[in-house]
Amino acid sequence: MDRVPLLRSMVQSRPDDPFPRYGLAMELRKQGQVEEAEQVFRALVADHPGYVPTYLMLGNLLVELGRPEAAAEVLDRGIEAAERAGDDHALGELKAARAELP
């Protein structure tokens, strides 16, 4: 079942809720639509910079796309967001991912 149309509908009906957009980006990535997934992740970071899970997923996607410098920048921003949010679990994951990059 293609969940993308349902997720797009949820994004439209709940534009201020970051979770449907996160779900859409994840589903697009899962389906191999990585360019669109990146766009949705980037829009999510721009519109909801405090939604910490986005940074790790976008960073990982950028690594997979062979863009480690861009990934490092995103992960660094995610580390800052996780510190501001007091999200120690996400902070640890983001720091571990960042440590793997130059």
N, C-alpha and C. Protein backbone atom coordinates (compact mmCIF):
# COMPACT_ATOMS: atom_id res chain seq x y z
N MET A 1 0.84 -1.19 0.00
CA MET A 1 0.00 0.00 0.00
C MET A 1 0.88 1.25 0.00
N ASP A 2 0.56 2.18 -0.87
CA ASP A 2 1.30 3.43 -0.96
C ASP A 2 0.74 4.41 0.07
N ARG A 3 1.55 4.70 1.07
CA ARG A 3 1.11 5.58 2.15
C ARG A 3 1.35 7.06 1.85
N VAL A 4 2.06 7.36 0.77
CA VAL A 4 2.41 8.74 0.46
C VAL A 4 1.18 9.63 0.30
N PRO A 5 0.16 9.22 -0.46
CA PRO A 5 -1.02 10.11 -0.58
C PRO A 5 -1.69 10.40 0.78
N LEU A 6 -1.79 9.40 1.62
CA LEU A 6 -2.38 9.61 2.94
C LEU A 6 -1.53 10.59 3.76
N LEU A 7 -0.23 10.41 3.73
CA LEU A 7 0.66 11.29 4.48
C LEU A 7 0.62 12.72 3.93
N ARG A 8 0.55 12.86 2.61
CA ARG A 8 0.43 14.20 2.03
C ARG A 8 -0.86 14.89 2.51
N SER A 9 -1.92 14.12 2.57
CA SER A 9 -3.20 14.65 3.05
C SER A 9 -3.08 15.09 4.51
N MET A 10 -2.41 14.30 5.31
CA MET A 10 -2.22 14.64 6.71
C MET A 10 -1.39 15.91 6.85
N VAL A 11 -0.37 16.06 6.01
CA VAL A 11 0.46 17.26 6.04
C VAL A 11 -0.39 18.49 5.73
N GLN A 12 -1.24 18.36 4.73
CA GLN A 12 -2.09 19.50 4.35
C GLN A 12 -3.09 19.84 5.44
N SER A 13 -3.63 18.83 6.10
CA SER A 13 -4.65 19.10 7.11
C SER A 13 -4.06 19.53 8.45
N ARG A 14 -2.77 19.24 8.67
CA ARG A 14 -2.10 19.60 9.93
C ARG A 14 -0.76 20.26 9.64
N PRO A 15 -0.78 21.43 8.98
CA PRO A 15 0.48 22.06 8.55
C PRO A 15 1.40 22.48 9.69
N ASP A 16 0.87 22.68 10.88
CA ASP A 16 1.70 23.10 12.00
C ASP A 16 2.24 21.93 12.82
N ASP A 17 1.89 20.72 12.43
CA ASP A 17 2.33 19.52 13.14
C ASP A 17 3.50 18.90 12.38
N PRO A 18 4.68 18.84 12.98
CA PRO A 18 5.84 18.31 12.25
C PRO A 18 5.78 16.80 12.00
N PHE A 19 5.02 16.06 12.78
CA PHE A 19 5.06 14.60 12.68
C PHE A 19 4.58 14.08 11.32
N PRO A 20 3.48 14.58 10.75
CA PRO A 20 3.09 14.06 9.43
C PRO A 20 4.14 14.31 8.36
N ARG A 21 4.80 15.47 8.41
CA ARG A 21 5.85 15.74 7.43
C ARG A 21 7.04 14.81 7.63
N TYR A 22 7.37 14.55 8.87
CA TYR A 22 8.45 13.61 9.16
C TYR A 22 8.10 12.23 8.59
N GLY A 23 6.86 11.81 8.83
CA GLY A 23 6.41 10.52 8.30
C GLY A 23 6.44 10.48 6.79
N LEU A 24 6.06 11.58 6.14
CA LEU A 24 6.10 11.66 4.69
C LEU A 24 7.54 11.53 4.19
N ALA A 25 8.45 12.25 4.80
CA ALA A 25 9.85 12.18 4.38
C ALA A 25 10.40 10.77 4.56
N MET A 26 10.07 10.14 5.66
CA MET A 26 10.54 8.78 5.91
C MET A 26 9.98 7.80 4.87
N GLU A 27 8.71 7.95 4.55
CA GLU A 27 8.08 7.07 3.56
C GLU A 27 8.68 7.30 2.17
N LEU A 28 8.90 8.54 1.81
CA LEU A 28 9.52 8.84 0.51
C LEU A 28 10.91 8.21 0.44
N ARG A 29 11.65 8.32 1.51
CA ARG A 29 13.00 7.73 1.55
C ARG A 29 12.90 6.21 1.40
N LYS A 30 11.98 5.63 2.10
CA LYS A 30 11.78 4.18 2.06
C LYS A 30 11.46 3.72 0.63
N GLN A 31 10.72 4.54 -0.09
CA GLN A 31 10.33 4.19 -1.46
C GLN A 31 11.40 4.56 -2.49
N GLY A 32 12.52 5.11 -2.04
CA GLY A 32 13.60 5.45 -2.94
C GLY A 32 13.48 6.81 -3.59
N GLN A 33 12.55 7.61 -3.14
CA GLN A 33 12.37 8.97 -3.67
C GLN A 33 13.21 9.93 -2.82
N VAL A 34 14.52 9.74 -2.89
CA VAL A 34 15.41 10.41 -1.95
C VAL A 34 15.50 11.92 -2.15
N GLU A 35 15.40 12.38 -3.40
CA GLU A 35 15.46 13.83 -3.62
C GLU A 35 14.28 14.52 -2.97
N GLU A 36 13.09 13.95 -3.16
CA GLU A 36 11.91 14.56 -2.54
C GLU A 36 11.95 14.41 -1.03
N ALA A 37 12.45 13.28 -0.55
CA ALA A 37 12.59 13.09 0.90
C ALA A 37 13.50 14.16 1.48
N GLU A 38 14.61 14.44 0.79
CA GLU A 38 15.52 15.49 1.26
C GLU A 38 14.80 16.84 1.32
N GLN A 39 14.02 17.15 0.31
CA GLN A 39 13.30 18.43 0.29
C GLN A 39 12.33 18.52 1.47
N VAL A 40 11.62 17.43 1.75
CA VAL A 40 10.67 17.45 2.86
C VAL A 40 11.40 17.57 4.19
N PHE A 41 12.49 16.83 4.35
CA PHE A 41 13.29 16.96 5.57
C PHE A 41 13.80 18.38 5.75
N ARG A 42 14.31 18.99 4.68
CA ARG A 42 14.86 20.35 4.78
C ARG A 42 13.76 21.37 5.12
N ALA A 43 12.59 21.20 4.53
CA ALA A 43 11.48 22.09 4.86
C ALA A 43 11.08 21.92 6.32
N LEU A 44 11.13 20.70 6.79
CA LEU A 44 10.78 20.42 8.19
C LEU A 44 11.78 21.08 9.13
N VAL A 45 13.06 21.00 8.82
CA VAL A 45 14.08 21.65 9.64
C VAL A 45 13.88 23.16 9.64
N ALA A 46 13.55 23.71 8.47
CA ALA A 46 13.35 25.16 8.37
C ALA A 46 12.12 25.62 9.16
N ASP A 47 11.04 24.85 9.05
CA ASP A 47 9.78 25.25 9.69
C ASP A 47 9.67 24.84 11.15
N HIS A 48 10.35 23.76 11.52
CA HIS A 48 10.28 23.24 12.90
C HIS A 48 11.69 22.87 13.37
N PRO A 49 12.54 23.86 13.58
CA PRO A 49 13.93 23.56 13.95
C PRO A 49 14.08 22.82 15.27
N GLY A 50 13.07 22.81 16.10
CA GLY A 50 13.14 22.10 17.36
C GLY A 50 12.70 20.64 17.27
N TYR A 51 12.31 20.19 16.08
CA TYR A 51 11.89 18.79 15.91
C TYR A 51 13.15 17.96 15.66
N VAL A 52 13.75 17.52 16.73
CA VAL A 52 15.10 16.94 16.73
C VAL A 52 15.27 15.70 15.86
N PRO A 53 14.32 14.77 15.78
CA PRO A 53 14.57 13.55 14.99
C PRO A 53 14.92 13.80 13.53
N THR A 54 14.47 14.92 13.01
CA THR A 54 14.71 15.22 11.60
C THR A 54 16.19 15.31 11.27
N TYR A 55 16.98 15.86 12.16
CA TYR A 55 18.38 16.09 11.88
C TYR A 55 19.15 14.79 11.64
N LEU A 56 18.90 13.79 12.44
CA LEU A 56 19.60 12.52 12.27
C LEU A 56 19.19 11.86 10.96
N MET A 57 17.91 11.85 10.66
CA MET A 57 17.44 11.21 9.44
C MET A 57 17.94 11.95 8.20
N LEU A 58 17.91 13.28 8.22
CA LEU A 58 18.43 14.05 7.09
C LEU A 58 19.94 13.86 6.97
N GLY A 59 20.64 13.87 8.09
CA GLY A 59 22.09 13.64 8.05
C GLY A 59 22.43 12.28 7.47
N ASN A 60 21.72 11.25 7.90
CA ASN A 60 21.96 9.91 7.36
C ASN A 60 21.67 9.84 5.87
N LEU A 61 20.61 10.49 5.45
CA LEU A 61 20.26 10.51 4.03
C LEU A 61 21.37 11.19 3.22
N LEU A 62 21.88 12.30 3.72
CA LEU A 62 22.94 13.00 3.01
C LEU A 62 24.22 12.17 2.93
N VAL A 63 24.50 11.40 3.96
CA VAL A 63 25.65 10.49 3.92
C VAL A 63 25.44 9.46 2.81
N GLU A 64 24.24 8.89 2.76
CA GLU A 64 23.93 7.90 1.72
C GLU A 64 24.04 8.50 0.32
N LEU A 65 23.76 9.78 0.19
CA LEU A 65 23.84 10.45 -1.10
C LEU A 65 25.26 10.91 -1.44
N GLY A 66 26.21 10.59 -0.54
CA GLY A 66 27.60 10.93 -0.79
C GLY A 66 27.93 12.39 -0.55
N ARG A 67 27.21 13.00 0.38
CA ARG A 67 27.41 14.42 0.70
C ARG A 67 27.77 14.58 2.18
N PRO A 68 28.95 14.09 2.59
CA PRO A 68 29.30 14.10 4.00
C PRO A 68 29.44 15.50 4.60
N GLU A 69 29.87 16.49 3.80
CA GLU A 69 30.00 17.84 4.35
C GLU A 69 28.64 18.40 4.72
N ALA A 70 27.66 18.20 3.84
CA ALA A 70 26.30 18.66 4.12
C ALA A 70 25.73 17.90 5.31
N ALA A 71 26.03 16.61 5.39
CA ALA A 71 25.56 15.80 6.52
C ALA A 71 26.14 16.33 7.83
N ALA A 72 27.43 16.65 7.83
CA ALA A 72 28.08 17.15 9.04
C ALA A 72 27.42 18.44 9.50
N GLU A 73 27.10 19.32 8.56
CA GLU A 73 26.45 20.58 8.92
C GLU A 73 25.08 20.33 9.56
N VAL A 74 24.31 19.44 8.97
CA VAL A 74 22.99 19.12 9.51
C VAL A 74 23.10 18.49 10.89
N LEU A 75 24.03 17.56 11.04
CA LEU A 75 24.20 16.89 12.33
C LEU A 75 24.65 17.88 13.40
N ASP A 76 25.53 18.82 13.04
CA ASP A 76 25.95 19.84 14.00
C ASP A 76 24.76 20.68 14.47
N ARG A 77 23.90 21.04 13.53
CA ARG A 77 22.69 21.79 13.90
C ARG A 77 21.77 20.94 14.77
N GLY A 78 21.72 19.65 14.48
CA GLY A 78 20.91 18.74 15.28
C GLY A 78 21.43 18.60 16.69
N ILE A 79 22.74 18.57 16.83
CA ILE A 79 23.34 18.49 18.16
C ILE A 79 22.93 19.71 18.98
N GLU A 80 22.99 20.87 18.36
CA GLU A 80 22.58 22.10 19.05
C GLU A 80 21.10 22.04 19.43
N ALA A 81 20.26 21.55 18.52
CA ALA A 81 18.82 21.47 18.79
C ALA A 81 18.54 20.48 19.92
N ALA A 82 19.25 19.35 19.92
CA ALA A 82 19.05 18.35 20.97
C ALA A 82 19.50 18.89 22.33
N GLU A 83 20.60 19.64 22.34
CA GLU A 83 21.06 20.24 23.59
C GLU A 83 20.03 21.23 24.11
N ARG A 84 19.48 22.07 23.22
CA ARG A 84 18.46 23.04 23.64
C ARG A 84 17.21 22.33 24.18
N ALA A 85 16.87 21.21 23.55
CA ALA A 85 15.66 20.47 23.95
C ALA A 85 15.89 19.59 25.17
N GLY A 86 17.15 19.39 25.55
CA GLY A 86 17.46 18.50 26.67
C GLY A 86 17.20 17.04 26.32
N ASP A 87 17.32 16.70 25.04
CA ASP A 87 17.05 15.34 24.56
C ASP A 87 18.36 14.56 24.51
N ASP A 88 18.71 13.94 25.63
CA ASP A 88 20.00 13.26 25.75
C ASP A 88 20.11 12.05 24.82
N HIS A 89 19.01 11.34 24.62
CA HIS A 89 19.05 10.16 23.74
C HIS A 89 19.40 10.59 22.31
N ALA A 90 18.66 11.57 21.78
CA ALA A 90 18.92 12.06 20.43
C ALA A 90 20.32 12.67 20.35
N LEU A 91 20.72 13.36 21.40
CA LEU A 91 22.05 13.98 21.43
C LEU A 91 23.13 12.92 21.25
N GLY A 92 22.99 11.81 21.94
CA GLY A 92 23.97 10.72 21.82
C GLY A 92 24.01 10.15 20.41
N GLU A 93 22.83 9.95 19.81
CA GLU A 93 22.77 9.42 18.44
C GLU A 93 23.39 10.40 17.44
N LEU A 94 23.07 11.67 17.61
CA LEU A 94 23.60 12.67 16.70
C LEU A 94 25.12 12.79 16.82
N LYS A 95 25.62 12.78 18.04
CA LYS A 95 27.07 12.86 18.24
C LYS A 95 27.78 11.64 17.67
N ALA A 96 27.18 10.46 17.82
CA ALA A 96 27.78 9.24 17.28
C ALA A 96 27.82 9.31 15.75
N ALA A 97 26.74 9.77 15.14
CA ALA A 97 26.71 9.89 13.68
C ALA A 97 27.73 10.92 13.22
N ARG A 98 27.84 12.02 13.95
CA ARG A 98 28.78 13.08 13.57
C ARG A 98 30.22 12.61 13.69
N ALA A 99 30.50 11.78 14.70
CA ALA A 99 31.85 11.29 14.92
C ALA A 99 32.34 10.39 13.77
N GLU A 100 31.43 9.85 13.01
CA GLU A 100 31.80 9.00 11.88
C GLU A 100 32.17 9.78 10.64
N LEU A 101 31.95 11.09 10.68
CA LEU A 101 32.22 11.94 9.51
C LEU A 101 33.50 12.74 9.72
N PRO A 102 34.11 13.16 8.61
CA PRO A 102 35.33 13.98 8.73
C PRO A 102 35.03 15.36 9.30
